[in-house]
Amino acid sequence: MVKHIVTFQLTGSAQERSDIALRFKAALEALPQQIDVLQSIEVGINENPAEDWDVVLTAVVPTMADVATYAKHPAHVAAAGLLAGHKAARACVDYTF
């Protein structure tokens, strides 16, 4: 199994970042019903104003090859598109467990 952990830093006012984060979270949480290899996904929105990162997701897929399948799936591409013009930074870790 592979955990795919991604965190995002967004641009804009606190309200703009919150609005896009909530829309992004809803889109991501719908993906397990649309992408066969996606076994689960958890999405968190940062509540600590002292921290710089806004959103984190943890997805679980069977293999590292499935990370690429998930990333290229049209439903994932559409969800990621919600961040267009709002993403300041992204960090990712993929590991087998």
PDB file of N, CA and C in Angstrom:
ATOM      1  N   MET A   1       0.844  -1.178   0.000  1.00  0.00           N
ATOM      2  CA  MET A   1       0.000   0.000   0.000  1.00  0.00           C
ATOM      3  C   MET A   1       0.889   1.241   0.000  1.00  0.00           C
ATOM      4  N   VAL A   2       0.396   2.300  -0.597  1.00  0.00           N
ATOM      5  CA  VAL A   2       1.147   3.557  -0.682  1.00  0.00           C
ATOM      6  C   VAL A   2       0.301   4.675  -0.086  1.00  0.00           C
ATOM      7  N   LYS A   3       0.944   5.474   0.760  1.00  0.00           N
ATOM      8  CA  LYS A   3       0.319   6.703   1.237  1.00  0.00           C
ATOM      9  C   LYS A   3       0.873   7.852   0.416  1.00  0.00           C
ATOM     10  N   HIS A   4      -0.016   8.654  -0.078  1.00  0.00           N
ATOM     11  CA  HIS A   4       0.295   9.836  -0.896  1.00  0.00           C
ATOM     12  C   HIS A   4      -0.157  11.028  -0.064  1.00  0.00           C
ATOM     13  N   ILE A   5       0.807  11.766   0.472  1.00  0.00           N
ATOM     14  CA  ILE A   5       0.501  12.887   1.360  1.00  0.00           C
ATOM     15  C   ILE A   5       0.933  14.174   0.677  1.00  0.00           C
ATOM     16  N   VAL A   6      -0.007  15.097   0.553  1.00  0.00           N
ATOM     17  CA  VAL A   6       0.262  16.356  -0.137  1.00  0.00           C
ATOM     18  C   VAL A   6      -0.251  17.500   0.729  1.00  0.00           C
ATOM     19  N   THR A   7       0.526  18.574   0.798  1.00  0.00           N
ATOM     20  CA  THR A   7       0.076  19.766   1.504  1.00  0.00           C
ATOM     21  C   THR A   7       0.178  20.959   0.558  1.00  0.00           C
ATOM     22  N   PHE A   8      -0.751  21.886   0.732  1.00  0.00           N
ATOM     23  CA  PHE A   8      -0.837  23.038  -0.148  1.00  0.00           C
ATOM     24  C   PHE A   8      -0.839  24.331   0.656  1.00  0.00           C
ATOM     25  N   GLN A   9      -0.158  25.297   0.115  1.00  0.00           N
ATOM     26  CA  GLN A   9      -0.215  26.670   0.628  1.00  0.00           C
ATOM     27  C   GLN A   9      -0.952  27.475  -0.433  1.00  0.00           C
ATOM     28  N   LEU A  10      -1.990  28.181  -0.007  1.00  0.00           N
ATOM     29  CA  LEU A  10      -2.826  28.922  -0.950  1.00  0.00           C
ATOM     30  C   LEU A  10      -2.550  30.414  -0.876  1.00  0.00           C
ATOM     31  N   THR A  11      -2.985  31.126  -1.911  1.00  0.00           N
ATOM     32  CA  THR A  11      -2.840  32.575  -1.961  1.00  0.00           C
ATOM     33  C   THR A  11      -4.190  33.224  -1.677  1.00  0.00           C
ATOM     34  N   GLY A  12      -4.153  34.511  -1.376  1.00  0.00           N
ATOM     35  CA  GLY A  12      -5.377  35.270  -1.166  1.00  0.00           C
ATOM     36  C   GLY A  12      -5.597  35.597   0.297  1.00  0.00           C
ATOM     37  N   SER A  13      -6.703  36.259   0.552  1.00  0.00           N
ATOM     38  CA  SER A  13      -7.074  36.610   1.920  1.00  0.00           C
ATOM     39  C   SER A  13      -7.443  35.335   2.680  1.00  0.00           C
ATOM     40  N   ALA A  14      -7.557  35.455   3.984  1.00  0.00           N
ATOM     41  CA  ALA A  14      -7.944  34.303   4.800  1.00  0.00           C
ATOM     42  C   ALA A  14      -9.296  33.751   4.333  1.00  0.00           C
ATOM     43  N   GLN A  15     -10.222  34.622   4.008  1.00  0.00           N
ATOM     44  CA  GLN A  15     -11.545  34.173   3.551  1.00  0.00           C
ATOM     45  C   GLN A  15     -11.458  33.483   2.191  1.00  0.00           C
ATOM     46  N   GLU A  16     -10.665  34.034   1.271  1.00  0.00           N
ATOM     47  CA  GLU A  16     -10.493  33.412  -0.050  1.00  0.00           C
ATOM     48  C   GLU A  16      -9.854  32.039   0.080  1.00  0.00           C
ATOM     49  N   ARG A  17      -8.823  31.940   0.926  1.00  0.00           N
ATOM     50  CA  ARG A  17      -8.155  30.651   1.130  1.00  0.00           C
ATOM     51  C   ARG A  17      -9.118  29.635   1.741  1.00  0.00           C
ATOM     52  N   SER A  18      -9.928  30.073   2.678  1.00  0.00           N
ATOM     53  CA  SER A  18     -10.907  29.182   3.301  1.00  0.00           C
ATOM     54  C   SER A  18     -11.933  28.695   2.283  1.00  0.00           C
ATOM     55  N   ASP A  19     -12.439  29.596   1.460  1.00  0.00           N
ATOM     56  CA  ASP A  19     -13.445  29.232   0.453  1.00  0.00           C
ATOM     57  C   ASP A  19     -12.902  28.207  -0.530  1.00  0.00           C
ATOM     58  N   ILE A  20     -11.706  28.445  -1.069  1.00  0.00           N
ATOM     59  CA  ILE A  20     -11.141  27.502  -2.041  1.00  0.00           C
ATOM     60  C   ILE A  20     -10.794  26.189  -1.364  1.00  0.00           C
ATOM     61  N   ALA A  21     -10.295  26.243  -0.135  1.00  0.00           N
ATOM     62  CA  ALA A  21      -9.959  25.018   0.593  1.00  0.00           C
ATOM     63  C   ALA A  21     -11.200  24.151   0.797  1.00  0.00           C
ATOM     64  N   LEU A  22     -12.325  24.753   1.144  1.00  0.00           N
ATOM     65  CA  LEU A  22     -13.557  23.994   1.347  1.00  0.00           C
ATOM     66  C   LEU A  22     -14.061  23.365   0.047  1.00  0.00           C
ATOM     67  N   ARG A  23     -13.988  24.104  -1.059  1.00  0.00           N
ATOM     68  CA  ARG A  23     -14.403  23.550  -2.357  1.00  0.00           C
ATOM     69  C   ARG A  23     -13.472  22.409  -2.780  1.00  0.00           C
ATOM     70  N   PHE A  24     -12.163  22.598  -2.569  1.00  0.00           N
ATOM     71  CA  PHE A  24     -11.167  21.588  -2.910  1.00  0.00           C
ATOM     72  C   PHE A  24     -11.387  20.324  -2.071  1.00  0.00           C
ATOM     73  N   LYS A  25     -11.618  20.492  -0.787  1.00  0.00           N
ATOM     74  CA  LYS A  25     -11.864  19.369   0.119  1.00  0.00           C
ATOM     75  C   LYS A  25     -13.066  18.554  -0.350  1.00  0.00           C
ATOM     76  N   ALA A  26     -14.162  19.211  -0.669  1.00  0.00           N
ATOM     77  CA  ALA A  26     -15.364  18.511  -1.125  1.00  0.00           C
ATOM     78  C   ALA A  26     -15.088  17.731  -2.413  1.00  0.00           C
ATOM     79  N   ALA A  27     -14.368  18.332  -3.336  1.00  0.00           N
ATOM     80  CA  ALA A  27     -14.053  17.654  -4.602  1.00  0.00           C
ATOM     81  C   ALA A  27     -13.165  16.437  -4.367  1.00  0.00           C
ATOM     82  N   LEU A  28     -12.166  16.579  -3.505  1.00  0.00           N
ATOM     83  CA  LEU A  28     -11.272  15.451  -3.224  1.00  0.00           C
ATOM     84  C   LEU A  28     -11.996  14.315  -2.523  1.00  0.00           C
ATOM     85  N   GLU A  29     -12.865  14.657  -1.583  1.00  0.00           N
ATOM     86  CA  GLU A  29     -13.558  13.619  -0.824  1.00  0.00           C
ATOM     87  C   GLU A  29     -14.543  12.821  -1.681  1.00  0.00           C
ATOM     88  N   ALA A  30     -14.910  13.334  -2.842  1.00  0.00           N
ATOM     89  CA  ALA A  30     -15.776  12.606  -3.772  1.00  0.00           C
ATOM     90  C   ALA A  30     -14.998  11.629  -4.654  1.00  0.00           C
ATOM     91  N   LEU A  31     -13.677  11.714  -4.660  1.00  0.00           N
ATOM     92  CA  LEU A  31     -12.870  10.925  -5.598  1.00  0.00           C
ATOM     93  C   LEU A  31     -12.890   9.413  -5.369  1.00  0.00           C
ATOM     94  N   PRO A  32     -12.960   8.893  -4.148  1.00  0.00           N
ATOM     95  CA  PRO A  32     -12.960   7.427  -4.010  1.00  0.00           C
ATOM     96  C   PRO A  32     -14.111   6.740  -4.756  1.00  0.00           C
ATOM     97  N   GLN A  33     -15.222   7.415  -4.926  1.00  0.00           N
ATOM     98  CA  GLN A  33     -16.331   6.830  -5.678  1.00  0.00           C
ATOM     99  C   GLN A  33     -16.093   6.894  -7.190  1.00  0.00           C
ATOM    100  N   GLN A  34     -15.091   7.657  -7.620  1.00  0.00           N
ATOM    101  CA  GLN A  34     -14.842   7.859  -9.042  1.00  0.00           C
ATOM    102  C   GLN A  34     -13.561   7.208  -9.546  1.00  0.00           C
ATOM    103  N   ILE A  35     -12.630   6.939  -8.646  1.00  0.00           N
ATOM    104  CA  ILE A  35     -11.320   6.415  -9.049  1.00  0.00           C
ATOM    105  C   ILE A  35     -11.109   5.071  -8.363  1.00  0.00           C
ATOM    106  N   ASP A  36     -11.105   3.991  -9.145  1.00  0.00           N
ATOM    107  CA  ASP A  36     -11.048   2.638  -8.589  1.00  0.00           C
ATOM    108  C   ASP A  36      -9.833   2.376  -7.711  1.00  0.00           C
ATOM    109  N   VAL A  37      -8.669   2.891  -8.081  1.00  0.00           N
ATOM    110  CA  VAL A  37      -7.450   2.596  -7.320  1.00  0.00           C
ATOM    111  C   VAL A  37      -7.365   3.373  -6.006  1.00  0.00           C
ATOM    112  N   LEU A  38      -8.195   4.383  -5.850  1.00  0.00           N
ATOM    113  CA  LEU A  38      -8.151   5.218  -4.647  1.00  0.00           C
ATOM    114  C   LEU A  38      -8.948   4.544  -3.535  1.00  0.00           C
ATOM    115  N   GLN A  39      -8.210   3.944  -2.594  1.00  0.00           N
ATOM    116  CA  GLN A  39      -8.862   3.198  -1.523  1.00  0.00           C
ATOM    117  C   GLN A  39      -9.445   4.111  -0.459  1.00  0.00           C
ATOM    118  N   SER A  40      -8.776   5.220  -0.191  1.00  0.00           N
ATOM    119  CA  SER A  40      -9.313   6.192   0.767  1.00  0.00           C
ATOM    120  C   SER A  40      -8.608   7.526   0.577  1.00  0.00           C
ATOM    121  N   ILE A  41      -9.253   8.569   1.077  1.00  0.00           N
ATOM    122  CA  ILE A  41      -8.642   9.889   1.086  1.00  0.00           C
ATOM    123  C   ILE A  41      -9.161  10.636   2.311  1.00  0.00           C
ATOM    124  N   GLU A  42      -8.259  11.335   2.954  1.00  0.00           N
ATOM    125  CA  GLU A  42      -8.598  12.184   4.086  1.00  0.00           C
ATOM    126  C   GLU A  42      -8.066  13.567   3.777  1.00  0.00           C
ATOM    127  N   VAL A  43      -8.880  14.583   3.979  1.00  0.00           N
ATOM    128  CA  VAL A  43      -8.495  15.957   3.665  1.00  0.00           C
ATOM    129  C   VAL A  43      -8.700  16.817   4.900  1.00  0.00           C
ATOM    130  N   GLY A  44      -7.666  17.559   5.265  1.00  0.00           N
ATOM    131  CA  GLY A  44      -7.760  18.446   6.407  1.00  0.00           C
ATOM    132  C   GLY A  44      -7.471  19.878   6.016  1.00  0.00           C
ATOM    133  N   ILE A  45      -8.184  20.793   6.647  1.00  0.00           N
ATOM    134  CA  ILE A  45      -7.956  22.227   6.452  1.00  0.00           C
ATOM    135  C   ILE A  45      -7.340  22.762   7.733  1.00  0.00           C
ATOM    136  N   ASN A  46      -6.220  23.431   7.604  1.00  0.00           N
ATOM    137  CA  ASN A  46      -5.490  23.939   8.763  1.00  0.00           C
ATOM    138  C   ASN A  46      -6.340  24.913   9.572  1.00  0.00           C
ATOM    139  N   GLU A  47      -6.345  24.715  10.872  1.00  0.00           N
ATOM    140  CA  GLU A  47      -7.077  25.602  11.777  1.00  0.00           C
ATOM    141  C   GLU A  47      -6.140  26.463  12.615  1.00  0.00           C
ATOM    142  N   ASN A  48      -4.841  26.291  12.441  1.00  0.00           N
ATOM    143  CA  ASN A  48      -3.849  27.009  13.241  1.00  0.00           C
ATOM    144  C   ASN A  48      -3.333  28.215  12.449  1.00  0.00           C
ATOM    145  N   PRO A  49      -3.730  29.423  12.812  1.00  0.00           N
ATOM    146  CA  PRO A  49      -3.314  30.607  12.048  1.00  0.00           C
ATOM    147  C   PRO A  49      -1.812  30.887  12.138  1.00  0.00           C
ATOM    148  N   ALA A  50      -1.106  30.238  13.035  1.00  0.00           N
ATOM    149  CA  ALA A  50       0.337  30.436  13.152  1.00  0.00           C
ATOM    150  C   ALA A  50       1.113  29.626  12.108  1.00  0.00           C
ATOM    151  N   GLU A  51       0.426  28.739  11.398  1.00  0.00           N
ATOM    152  CA  GLU A  51       1.077  27.897  10.397  1.00  0.00           C
ATOM    153  C   GLU A  51       0.813  28.420   8.991  1.00  0.00           C
ATOM    154  N   ASP A  52       1.715  28.085   8.060  1.00  0.00           N
ATOM    155  CA  ASP A  52       1.662  28.610   6.699  1.00  0.00           C
ATOM    156  C   ASP A  52       0.912  27.739   5.700  1.00  0.00           C
ATOM    157  N   TRP A  53       0.682  26.463   5.998  1.00  0.00           N
ATOM    158  CA  TRP A  53       0.053  25.548   5.048  1.00  0.00           C
ATOM    159  C   TRP A  53      -1.444  25.514   5.295  1.00  0.00           C
ATOM    160  N   ASP A  54      -2.215  25.423   4.212  1.00  0.00           N
ATOM    161  CA  ASP A  54      -3.669  25.536   4.300  1.00  0.00           C
ATOM    162  C   ASP A  54      -4.418  24.211   4.240  1.00  0.00           C
ATOM    163  N   VAL A  55      -3.971  23.297   3.410  1.00  0.00           N
ATOM    164  CA  VAL A  55      -4.702  22.046   3.171  1.00  0.00           C
ATOM    165  C   VAL A  55      -3.704  20.893   3.149  1.00  0.00           C
ATOM    166  N   VAL A  56      -4.119  19.752   3.703  1.00  0.00           N
ATOM    167  CA  VAL A  56      -3.328  18.537   3.597  1.00  0.00           C
ATOM    168  C   VAL A  56      -4.258  17.396   3.201  1.00  0.00           C
ATOM    169  N   LEU A  57      -3.746  16.504   2.368  1.00  0.00           N
ATOM    170  CA  LEU A  57      -4.516  15.313   2.026  1.00  0.00           C
ATOM    171  C   LEU A  57      -3.643  14.082   2.185  1.00  0.00           C
ATOM    172  N   THR A  58      -4.278  13.005   2.589  1.00  0.00           N
ATOM    173  CA  THR A  58      -3.633  11.702   2.671  1.00  0.00           C
ATOM    174  C   THR A  58      -4.497  10.731   1.885  1.00  0.00           C
ATOM    175  N   ALA A  59      -3.936  10.215   0.802  1.00  0.00           N
ATOM    176  CA  ALA A  59      -4.637   9.250  -0.038  1.00  0.00           C
ATOM    177  C   ALA A  59      -3.931   7.908   0.077  1.00  0.00           C
ATOM    178  N   VAL A  60      -4.694   6.829  -0.039  1.00  0.00           N
ATOM    179  CA  VAL A  60      -4.127   5.483   0.007  1.00  0.00           C
ATOM    180  C   VAL A  60      -4.495   4.766  -1.284  1.00  0.00           C
ATOM    181  N   VAL A  61      -3.447   4.223  -1.949  1.00  0.00           N
ATOM    182  CA  VAL A  61      -3.607   3.431  -3.166  1.00  0.00           C
ATOM    183  C   VAL A  61      -2.769   2.165  -3.024  1.00  0.00           C
ATOM    184  N   PRO A  62      -3.053   1.129  -3.814  1.00  0.00           N
ATOM    185  CA  PRO A  62      -2.320  -0.124  -3.652  1.00  0.00           C
ATOM    186  C   PRO A  62      -0.825  -0.074  -4.000  1.00  0.00           C
ATOM    187  N   THR A  63      -0.467   0.621  -5.082  1.00  0.00           N
ATOM    188  CA  THR A  63       0.927   0.594  -5.545  1.00  0.00           C
ATOM    189  C   THR A  63       1.389   1.997  -5.940  1.00  0.00           C
ATOM    190  N   MET A  64       2.697   2.141  -6.092  1.00  0.00           N
ATOM    191  CA  MET A  64       3.238   3.431  -6.539  1.00  0.00           C
ATOM    192  C   MET A  64       2.741   3.763  -7.948  1.00  0.00           C
ATOM    193  N   ALA A  65       2.569   2.752  -8.791  1.00  0.00           N
ATOM    194  CA  ALA A  65       2.023   3.001 -10.133  1.00  0.00           C
ATOM    195  C   ALA A  65       0.610   3.578 -10.045  1.00  0.00           C
ATOM    196  N   ASP A  66      -0.124   3.193  -9.017  1.00  0.00           N
ATOM    197  CA  ASP A  66      -1.481   3.709  -8.852  1.00  0.00           C
ATOM    198  C   ASP A  66      -1.507   5.178  -8.459  1.00  0.00           C
ATOM    199  N   VAL A  67      -0.420   5.688  -7.898  1.00  0.00           N
ATOM    200  CA  VAL A  67      -0.339   7.125  -7.619  1.00  0.00           C
ATOM    201  C   VAL A  67      -0.458   7.884  -8.943  1.00  0.00           C
ATOM    202  N   ALA A  68       0.240   7.403  -9.964  1.00  0.00           N
ATOM    203  CA  ALA A  68       0.180   8.044 -11.284  1.00  0.00           C
ATOM    204  C   ALA A  68      -1.206   7.885 -11.905  1.00  0.00           C
ATOM    205  N   THR A  69      -1.826   6.718 -11.739  1.00  0.00           N
ATOM    206  CA  THR A  69      -3.178   6.496 -12.255  1.00  0.00           C
ATOM    207  C   THR A  69      -4.151   7.486 -11.622  1.00  0.00           C
ATOM    208  N   TYR A  70      -4.057   7.634 -10.313  1.00  0.00           N
ATOM    209  CA  TYR A  70      -4.891   8.581  -9.568  1.00  0.00           C
ATOM    210  C   TYR A  70      -4.647  10.012 -10.063  1.00  0.00           C
ATOM    211  N   ALA A  71      -3.379  10.378 -10.193  1.00  0.00           N
ATOM    212  CA  ALA A  71      -3.027  11.751 -10.576  1.00  0.00           C
ATOM    213  C   ALA A  71      -3.549  12.117 -11.963  1.00  0.00           C
ATOM    214  N   LYS A  72      -3.594  11.157 -12.876  1.00  0.00           N
ATOM    215  CA  LYS A  72      -4.008  11.426 -14.256  1.00  0.00           C
ATOM    216  C   LYS A  72      -5.510  11.276 -14.484  1.00  0.00           C
ATOM    217  N   HIS A  73      -6.220  10.743 -13.502  1.00  0.00           N
ATOM    218  CA  HIS A  73      -7.654  10.508 -13.682  1.00  0.00           C
ATOM    219  C   HIS A  73      -8.376  11.848 -13.888  1.00  0.00           C
ATOM    220  N   PRO A  74      -9.296  11.911 -14.836  1.00  0.00           N
ATOM    221  CA  PRO A  74      -9.989  13.178 -15.114  1.00  0.00           C
ATOM    222  C   PRO A  74     -10.675  13.800 -13.894  1.00  0.00           C
ATOM    223  N   ALA A  75     -11.210  12.995 -12.996  1.00  0.00           N
ATOM    224  CA  ALA A  75     -11.864  13.545 -11.798  1.00  0.00           C
ATOM    225  C   ALA A  75     -10.845  14.210 -10.881  1.00  0.00           C
ATOM    226  N   HIS A  76      -9.650  13.618 -10.776  1.00  0.00           N
ATOM    227  CA  HIS A  76      -8.594  14.231  -9.963  1.00  0.00           C
ATOM    228  C   HIS A  76      -8.091  15.508 -10.632  1.00  0.00           C
ATOM    229  N   VAL A  77      -7.906  15.459 -11.936  1.00  0.00           N
ATOM    230  CA  VAL A  77      -7.446  16.642 -12.679  1.00  0.00           C
ATOM    231  C   VAL A  77      -8.434  17.798 -12.480  1.00  0.00           C
ATOM    232  N   ALA A  78      -9.732  17.488 -12.510  1.00  0.00           N
ATOM    233  CA  ALA A  78     -10.744  18.528 -12.303  1.00  0.00           C
ATOM    234  C   ALA A  78     -10.669  19.081 -10.881  1.00  0.00           C
ATOM    235  N   ALA A  79     -10.498  18.211  -9.891  1.00  0.00           N
ATOM    236  CA  ALA A  79     -10.381  18.679  -8.501  1.00  0.00           C
ATOM    237  C   ALA A  79      -9.149  19.560  -8.335  1.00  0.00           C
ATOM    238  N   ALA A  80      -8.027  19.131  -8.880  1.00  0.00           N
ATOM    239  CA  ALA A  80      -6.790  19.912  -8.783  1.00  0.00           C
ATOM    240  C   ALA A  80      -6.939  21.254  -9.490  1.00  0.00           C
ATOM    241  N   GLY A  81      -7.735  21.283 -10.534  1.00  0.00           N
ATOM    242  CA  GLY A  81      -7.967  22.525 -11.269  1.00  0.00           C
ATOM    243  C   GLY A  81      -8.627  23.609 -10.428  1.00  0.00           C
ATOM    244  N   LEU A  82      -9.286  23.219  -9.348  1.00  0.00           N
ATOM    245  CA  LEU A  82      -9.901  24.214  -8.462  1.00  0.00           C
ATOM    246  C   LEU A  82      -8.859  25.124  -7.819  1.00  0.00           C
ATOM    247  N   LEU A  83      -7.616  24.654  -7.765  1.00  0.00           N
ATOM    248  CA  LEU A  83      -6.547  25.454  -7.161  1.00  0.00           C
ATOM    249  C   LEU A  83      -5.863  26.387  -8.150  1.00  0.00           C
ATOM    250  N   ALA A  84      -6.246  26.319  -9.410  1.00  0.00           N
ATOM    251  CA  ALA A  84      -5.618  27.179 -10.420  1.00  0.00           C
ATOM    252  C   ALA A  84      -5.709  28.641  -9.996  1.00  0.00           C
ATOM    253  N   GLY A  85      -4.564  29.286  -9.975  1.00  0.00           N
ATOM    254  CA  GLY A  85      -4.503  30.688  -9.592  1.00  0.00           C
ATOM    255  C   GLY A  85      -4.526  30.931  -8.094  1.00  0.00           C
ATOM    256  N   HIS A  86      -4.602  29.848  -7.309  1.00  0.00           N
ATOM    257  CA  HIS A  86      -4.677  29.981  -5.853  1.00  0.00           C
ATOM    258  C   HIS A  86      -3.553  29.262  -5.125  1.00  0.00           C
ATOM    259  N   LYS A  87      -2.735  28.476  -5.843  1.00  0.00           N
ATOM    260  CA  LYS A  87      -1.713  27.646  -5.209  1.00  0.00           C
ATOM    261  C   LYS A  87      -0.386  28.395  -5.131  1.00  0.00           C
ATOM    262  N   ALA A  88       0.094  28.617  -3.910  1.00  0.00           N
ATOM    263  CA  ALA A  88       1.392  29.259  -3.714  1.00  0.00           C
ATOM    264  C   ALA A  88       2.507  28.224  -3.651  1.00  0.00           C
ATOM    265  N   ALA A  89       2.210  27.057  -3.038  1.00  0.00           N
ATOM    266  CA  ALA A  89       3.232  26.019  -2.894  1.00  0.00           C
ATOM    267  C   ALA A  89       2.556  24.675  -2.683  1.00  0.00           C
ATOM    268  N   ARG A  90       3.305  23.616  -3.014  1.00  0.00           N
ATOM    269  CA  ARG A  90       2.837  22.237  -2.854  1.00  0.00           C
ATOM    270  C   ARG A  90       4.027  21.406  -2.398  1.00  0.00           C
ATOM    271  N   ALA A  91       3.783  20.494  -1.473  1.00  0.00           N
ATOM    272  CA  ALA A  91       4.801  19.537  -1.045  1.00  0.00           C
ATOM    273  C   ALA A  91       4.151  18.159  -0.999  1.00  0.00           C
ATOM    274  N   CYS A  92       4.928  17.137  -1.364  1.00  0.00           N
ATOM    275  CA  CYS A  92       4.368  15.788  -1.463  1.00  0.00           C
ATOM    276  C   CYS A  92       5.371  14.759  -0.956  1.00  0.00           C
ATOM    277  N   VAL A  93       4.828  13.732  -0.289  1.00  0.00           N
ATOM    278  CA  VAL A  93       5.602  12.548   0.103  1.00  0.00           C
ATOM    279  C   VAL A  93       4.766  11.327  -0.240  1.00  0.00           C
ATOM    280  N   ASP A  94       5.362  10.361  -0.930  1.00  0.00           N
ATOM    281  CA  ASP A  94       4.732   9.076  -1.225  1.00  0.00           C
ATOM    282  C   ASP A  94       5.582   7.999  -0.581  1.00  0.00           C
ATOM    283  N   TYR A  95       4.956   7.103   0.193  1.00  0.00           N
ATOM    284  CA  TYR A  95       5.735   6.025   0.795  1.00  0.00           C
ATOM    285  C   TYR A  95       4.898   4.764   0.917  1.00  0.00           C
ATOM    286  N   THR A  96       5.602   3.630   0.857  1.00  0.00           N
ATOM    287  CA  THR A  96       4.974   2.331   0.986  1.00  0.00           C
ATOM    288  C   THR A  96       4.886   1.976   2.461  1.00  0.00           C
ATOM    289  N   PHE A  97       3.754   1.433   2.856  1.00  0.00           N
ATOM    290  CA  PHE A  97       3.610   1.002   4.242  1.00  0.00           C
ATOM    291  C   PHE A  97       3.013  -0.388   4.314  1.00  0.00           C
TER     292      PHE A  97
END
